[in-house]
Amino acid sequence: MNILEKANEIVNLRKEEKERQYGPFEDGMERAAKILSGMTGLILDAEFMYKALIALKLSRESYNHKEDNLLDAVAYLASLNNYINNKNNNK
């Protein structure tokens, strides 16, 4: 299975499993943005959090190739796309 198929499985097909452990992923990103905003005094949003995690995975990949780095980056990109689409659909 290629990383795009794996990312789809993680992001779109296992949602219920992840919600049982950590709550909905989008809610977690919004909560993390609020926490980081409080820690830094900056106004940050969930989209920033997705982008920060993507940057972290690509930074790790720049040191040493591991498929997991790329898989996580692609999964975060897919999740970001879902988040933006959901946000726009709810407007």
N, C-alpha and C. Protein backbone atom coordinates (compact mmCIF):
# COMPACT_ATOMS: atom_id res chain seq x y z
N MET A 1 0.85 -1.18 0.00
CA MET A 1 0.00 0.00 0.00
C MET A 1 0.90 1.24 0.00
N ASN A 2 0.59 2.22 -0.85
CA ASN A 2 1.42 3.42 -0.88
C ASN A 2 1.01 4.39 0.24
N ILE A 3 1.82 5.42 0.46
CA ILE A 3 1.57 6.30 1.59
C ILE A 3 0.28 7.10 1.43
N LEU A 4 -0.15 7.37 0.22
CA LEU A 4 -1.42 8.09 0.04
C LEU A 4 -2.60 7.24 0.49
N GLU A 5 -2.55 5.95 0.16
CA GLU A 5 -3.61 5.04 0.62
C GLU A 5 -3.58 4.89 2.14
N LYS A 6 -2.38 4.79 2.70
CA LYS A 6 -2.25 4.68 4.16
C LYS A 6 -2.76 5.95 4.84
N ALA A 7 -2.42 7.10 4.27
CA ALA A 7 -2.87 8.37 4.85
C ALA A 7 -4.39 8.45 4.82
N ASN A 8 -4.99 8.04 3.71
CA ASN A 8 -6.45 8.04 3.62
C ASN A 8 -7.05 7.13 4.68
N GLU A 9 -6.44 5.99 4.89
CA GLU A 9 -6.92 5.05 5.91
C GLU A 9 -6.85 5.69 7.30
N ILE A 10 -5.75 6.35 7.58
CA ILE A 10 -5.55 6.99 8.88
C ILE A 10 -6.54 8.14 9.08
N VAL A 11 -6.64 9.00 8.08
CA VAL A 11 -7.42 10.23 8.21
C VAL A 11 -8.91 9.98 8.07
N ASN A 12 -9.29 9.20 7.10
CA ASN A 12 -10.72 9.09 6.77
C ASN A 12 -11.40 7.80 7.20
N LEU A 13 -10.66 6.73 7.39
CA LEU A 13 -11.30 5.46 7.67
C LEU A 13 -11.19 5.01 9.13
N ARG A 14 -10.34 5.62 9.90
CA ARG A 14 -10.15 5.23 11.32
C ARG A 14 -10.60 6.31 12.27
N LYS A 15 -11.41 7.21 11.81
CA LYS A 15 -11.79 8.36 12.61
C LYS A 15 -12.39 7.97 13.96
N GLU A 16 -13.28 7.00 13.97
CA GLU A 16 -13.94 6.62 15.22
C GLU A 16 -12.94 6.08 16.24
N GLU A 17 -11.97 5.31 15.79
CA GLU A 17 -10.97 4.76 16.69
C GLU A 17 -10.19 5.89 17.37
N LYS A 18 -9.78 6.88 16.60
CA LYS A 18 -9.00 7.99 17.16
C LYS A 18 -9.85 8.84 18.09
N GLU A 19 -11.13 9.03 17.79
CA GLU A 19 -11.98 9.84 18.65
C GLU A 19 -12.14 9.21 20.03
N ARG A 20 -12.15 7.89 20.09
CA ARG A 20 -12.28 7.21 21.38
C ARG A 20 -11.05 7.44 22.25
N GLN A 21 -9.90 7.59 21.63
CA GLN A 21 -8.66 7.75 22.40
C GLN A 21 -8.38 9.21 22.75
N TYR A 22 -8.54 10.10 21.81
CA TYR A 22 -8.08 11.48 21.98
C TYR A 22 -9.13 12.53 21.67
N GLY A 23 -10.32 12.13 21.32
CA GLY A 23 -11.31 13.10 20.88
C GLY A 23 -11.15 13.37 19.40
N PRO A 24 -12.08 14.11 18.82
CA PRO A 24 -12.00 14.41 17.39
C PRO A 24 -10.71 15.18 17.06
N PHE A 25 -10.04 14.78 16.00
CA PHE A 25 -8.75 15.37 15.64
C PHE A 25 -8.86 16.88 15.43
N GLU A 26 -9.89 17.32 14.71
CA GLU A 26 -10.06 18.75 14.44
C GLU A 26 -10.22 19.53 15.75
N ASP A 27 -10.98 18.98 16.69
CA ASP A 27 -11.15 19.64 17.98
C ASP A 27 -9.83 19.72 18.73
N GLY A 28 -9.04 18.67 18.63
CA GLY A 28 -7.72 18.67 19.26
C GLY A 28 -6.80 19.74 18.70
N MET A 29 -6.87 19.93 17.39
CA MET A 29 -6.03 20.97 16.77
C MET A 29 -6.49 22.36 17.20
N GLU A 30 -7.80 22.56 17.31
CA GLU A 30 -8.31 23.85 17.78
C GLU A 30 -7.90 24.09 19.22
N ARG A 31 -7.99 23.06 20.04
CA ARG A 31 -7.60 23.19 21.45
C ARG A 31 -6.09 23.45 21.57
N ALA A 32 -5.29 22.75 20.78
CA ALA A 32 -3.83 22.96 20.80
C ALA A 32 -3.49 24.40 20.40
N ALA A 33 -4.21 24.93 19.42
CA ALA A 33 -3.97 26.32 18.98
C ALA A 33 -4.28 27.29 20.12
N LYS A 34 -5.35 27.05 20.87
CA LYS A 34 -5.68 27.91 22.01
C LYS A 34 -4.61 27.82 23.09
N ILE A 35 -4.15 26.62 23.36
CA ILE A 35 -3.11 26.45 24.38
C ILE A 35 -1.83 27.15 23.95
N LEU A 36 -1.41 26.94 22.70
CA LEU A 36 -0.19 27.59 22.21
C LEU A 36 -0.35 29.10 22.17
N SER A 37 -1.53 29.57 21.83
CA SER A 37 -1.78 31.02 21.85
C SER A 37 -1.59 31.57 23.26
N GLY A 38 -2.12 30.85 24.25
CA GLY A 38 -1.96 31.27 25.64
C GLY A 38 -0.51 31.24 26.09
N MET A 39 0.24 30.28 25.60
CA MET A 39 1.64 30.15 25.99
C MET A 39 2.52 31.23 25.37
N THR A 40 2.16 31.67 24.15
CA THR A 40 3.02 32.59 23.41
C THR A 40 2.51 34.03 23.37
N GLY A 41 1.22 34.22 23.64
CA GLY A 41 0.64 35.55 23.49
C GLY A 41 0.30 35.88 22.05
N LEU A 42 0.52 34.93 21.14
CA LEU A 42 0.19 35.12 19.73
C LEU A 42 -1.22 34.59 19.49
N ILE A 43 -1.86 35.09 18.46
CA ILE A 43 -3.17 34.57 18.10
C ILE A 43 -2.97 33.55 16.99
N LEU A 44 -3.13 32.27 17.36
CA LEU A 44 -2.90 31.17 16.43
C LEU A 44 -4.19 30.38 16.28
N ASP A 45 -4.36 29.74 15.12
CA ASP A 45 -5.57 28.96 14.89
C ASP A 45 -5.20 27.53 14.53
N ALA A 46 -6.22 26.71 14.35
CA ALA A 46 -6.01 25.29 14.05
C ALA A 46 -5.24 25.10 12.75
N GLU A 47 -5.50 25.94 11.75
CA GLU A 47 -4.76 25.81 10.49
C GLU A 47 -3.26 25.97 10.73
N PHE A 48 -2.89 26.88 11.61
CA PHE A 48 -1.49 27.06 11.96
C PHE A 48 -0.92 25.78 12.56
N MET A 49 -1.70 25.13 13.43
CA MET A 49 -1.23 23.91 14.08
C MET A 49 -0.98 22.81 13.05
N TYR A 50 -1.91 22.63 12.12
CA TYR A 50 -1.70 21.65 11.06
C TYR A 50 -0.39 21.95 10.32
N LYS A 51 -0.20 23.20 9.95
CA LYS A 51 0.98 23.59 9.18
C LYS A 51 2.26 23.40 9.99
N ALA A 52 2.19 23.67 11.29
CA ALA A 52 3.36 23.47 12.14
C ALA A 52 3.75 22.00 12.21
N LEU A 53 2.76 21.12 12.32
CA LEU A 53 3.05 19.69 12.38
C LEU A 53 3.59 19.18 11.04
N ILE A 54 3.06 19.70 9.94
CA ILE A 54 3.59 19.34 8.61
C ILE A 54 5.05 19.78 8.51
N ALA A 55 5.33 21.00 8.96
CA ALA A 55 6.70 21.50 8.93
C ALA A 55 7.63 20.64 9.78
N LEU A 56 7.16 20.22 10.95
CA LEU A 56 7.96 19.36 11.82
C LEU A 56 8.31 18.05 11.12
N LYS A 57 7.32 17.44 10.49
CA LYS A 57 7.57 16.16 9.79
C LYS A 57 8.54 16.33 8.64
N LEU A 58 8.40 17.42 7.89
CA LEU A 58 9.33 17.66 6.78
C LEU A 58 10.73 17.99 7.29
N SER A 59 10.81 18.67 8.43
CA SER A 59 12.11 18.95 9.04
C SER A 59 12.80 17.64 9.44
N ARG A 60 12.04 16.74 10.05
CA ARG A 60 12.61 15.45 10.44
C ARG A 60 13.07 14.67 9.21
N GLU A 61 12.27 14.74 8.16
CA GLU A 61 12.62 14.04 6.91
C GLU A 61 13.92 14.59 6.32
N SER A 62 14.16 15.89 6.50
CA SER A 62 15.38 16.49 5.94
C SER A 62 16.64 15.94 6.58
N TYR A 63 16.54 15.40 7.79
CA TYR A 63 17.68 14.80 8.47
C TYR A 63 17.87 13.34 8.10
N ASN A 64 16.76 12.64 7.97
CA ASN A 64 16.85 11.21 7.74
C ASN A 64 15.53 10.72 7.16
N HIS A 65 15.61 10.06 6.01
CA HIS A 65 14.38 9.55 5.40
C HIS A 65 13.79 8.42 6.23
N LYS A 66 12.53 8.62 6.59
CA LYS A 66 11.73 7.56 7.21
C LYS A 66 10.35 7.70 6.61
N GLU A 67 9.82 6.60 6.11
CA GLU A 67 8.51 6.67 5.47
C GLU A 67 7.46 7.26 6.41
N ASP A 68 7.59 7.01 7.70
CA ASP A 68 6.64 7.53 8.66
C ASP A 68 6.58 9.06 8.65
N ASN A 69 7.72 9.72 8.43
CA ASN A 69 7.73 11.18 8.33
C ASN A 69 6.83 11.65 7.19
N LEU A 70 7.00 11.02 6.04
CA LEU A 70 6.22 11.40 4.86
C LEU A 70 4.76 11.01 5.03
N LEU A 71 4.51 9.85 5.60
CA LEU A 71 3.14 9.41 5.83
C LEU A 71 2.41 10.40 6.74
N ASP A 72 3.05 10.78 7.83
CA ASP A 72 2.43 11.73 8.75
C ASP A 72 2.21 13.08 8.08
N ALA A 73 3.18 13.56 7.30
CA ALA A 73 3.03 14.84 6.60
C ALA A 73 1.84 14.80 5.65
N VAL A 74 1.72 13.72 4.89
CA VAL A 74 0.60 13.58 3.95
C VAL A 74 -0.72 13.49 4.72
N ALA A 75 -0.73 12.77 5.82
CA ALA A 75 -1.95 12.65 6.62
C ALA A 75 -2.35 14.01 7.20
N TYR A 76 -1.38 14.79 7.67
CA TYR A 76 -1.69 16.13 8.17
C TYR A 76 -2.20 17.03 7.05
N LEU A 77 -1.62 16.90 5.86
CA LEU A 77 -2.12 17.68 4.71
C LEU A 77 -3.56 17.31 4.40
N ALA A 78 -3.86 16.03 4.39
CA ALA A 78 -5.23 15.58 4.12
C ALA A 78 -6.18 16.07 5.21
N SER A 79 -5.75 16.00 6.45
CA SER A 79 -6.57 16.48 7.55
C SER A 79 -6.80 17.98 7.47
N LEU A 80 -5.77 18.72 7.10
CA LEU A 80 -5.91 20.16 6.91
C LEU A 80 -6.92 20.46 5.83
N ASN A 81 -6.85 19.74 4.72
CA ASN A 81 -7.81 19.94 3.64
C ASN A 81 -9.23 19.66 4.12
N ASN A 82 -9.42 18.56 4.86
CA ASN A 82 -10.74 18.25 5.43
C ASN A 82 -11.21 19.36 6.36
N TYR A 83 -10.31 19.86 7.18
CA TYR A 83 -10.65 20.91 8.15
C TYR A 83 -11.12 22.17 7.42
N ILE A 84 -10.36 22.58 6.41
CA ILE A 84 -10.72 23.78 5.65
C ILE A 84 -12.06 23.58 4.95
N ASN A 85 -12.24 22.42 4.32
CA ASN A 85 -13.51 22.13 3.63
C ASN A 85 -14.68 22.13 4.60
N ASN A 86 -14.50 21.51 5.76
CA ASN A 86 -15.58 21.48 6.77
C ASN A 86 -15.90 22.88 7.28
N LYS A 87 -14.86 23.68 7.50
CA LYS A 87 -15.04 25.04 7.96
C LYS A 87 -15.81 25.87 6.93
N ASN A 88 -15.45 25.72 5.65
CA ASN A 88 -16.12 26.46 4.59
C ASN A 88 -17.55 25.99 4.39
N ASN A 89 -17.80 24.71 4.56
CA ASN A 89 -19.16 24.18 4.41
C ASN A 89 -20.08 24.59 5.55
N ASN A 90 -19.50 24.89 6.70
CA ASN A 90 -20.30 25.28 7.86
C ASN A 90 -20.57 26.79 7.90
N LYS A 91 -20.01 27.54 6.97
CA LYS A 91 -20.23 28.99 6.94
C LYS A 91 -21.57 29.32 6.36
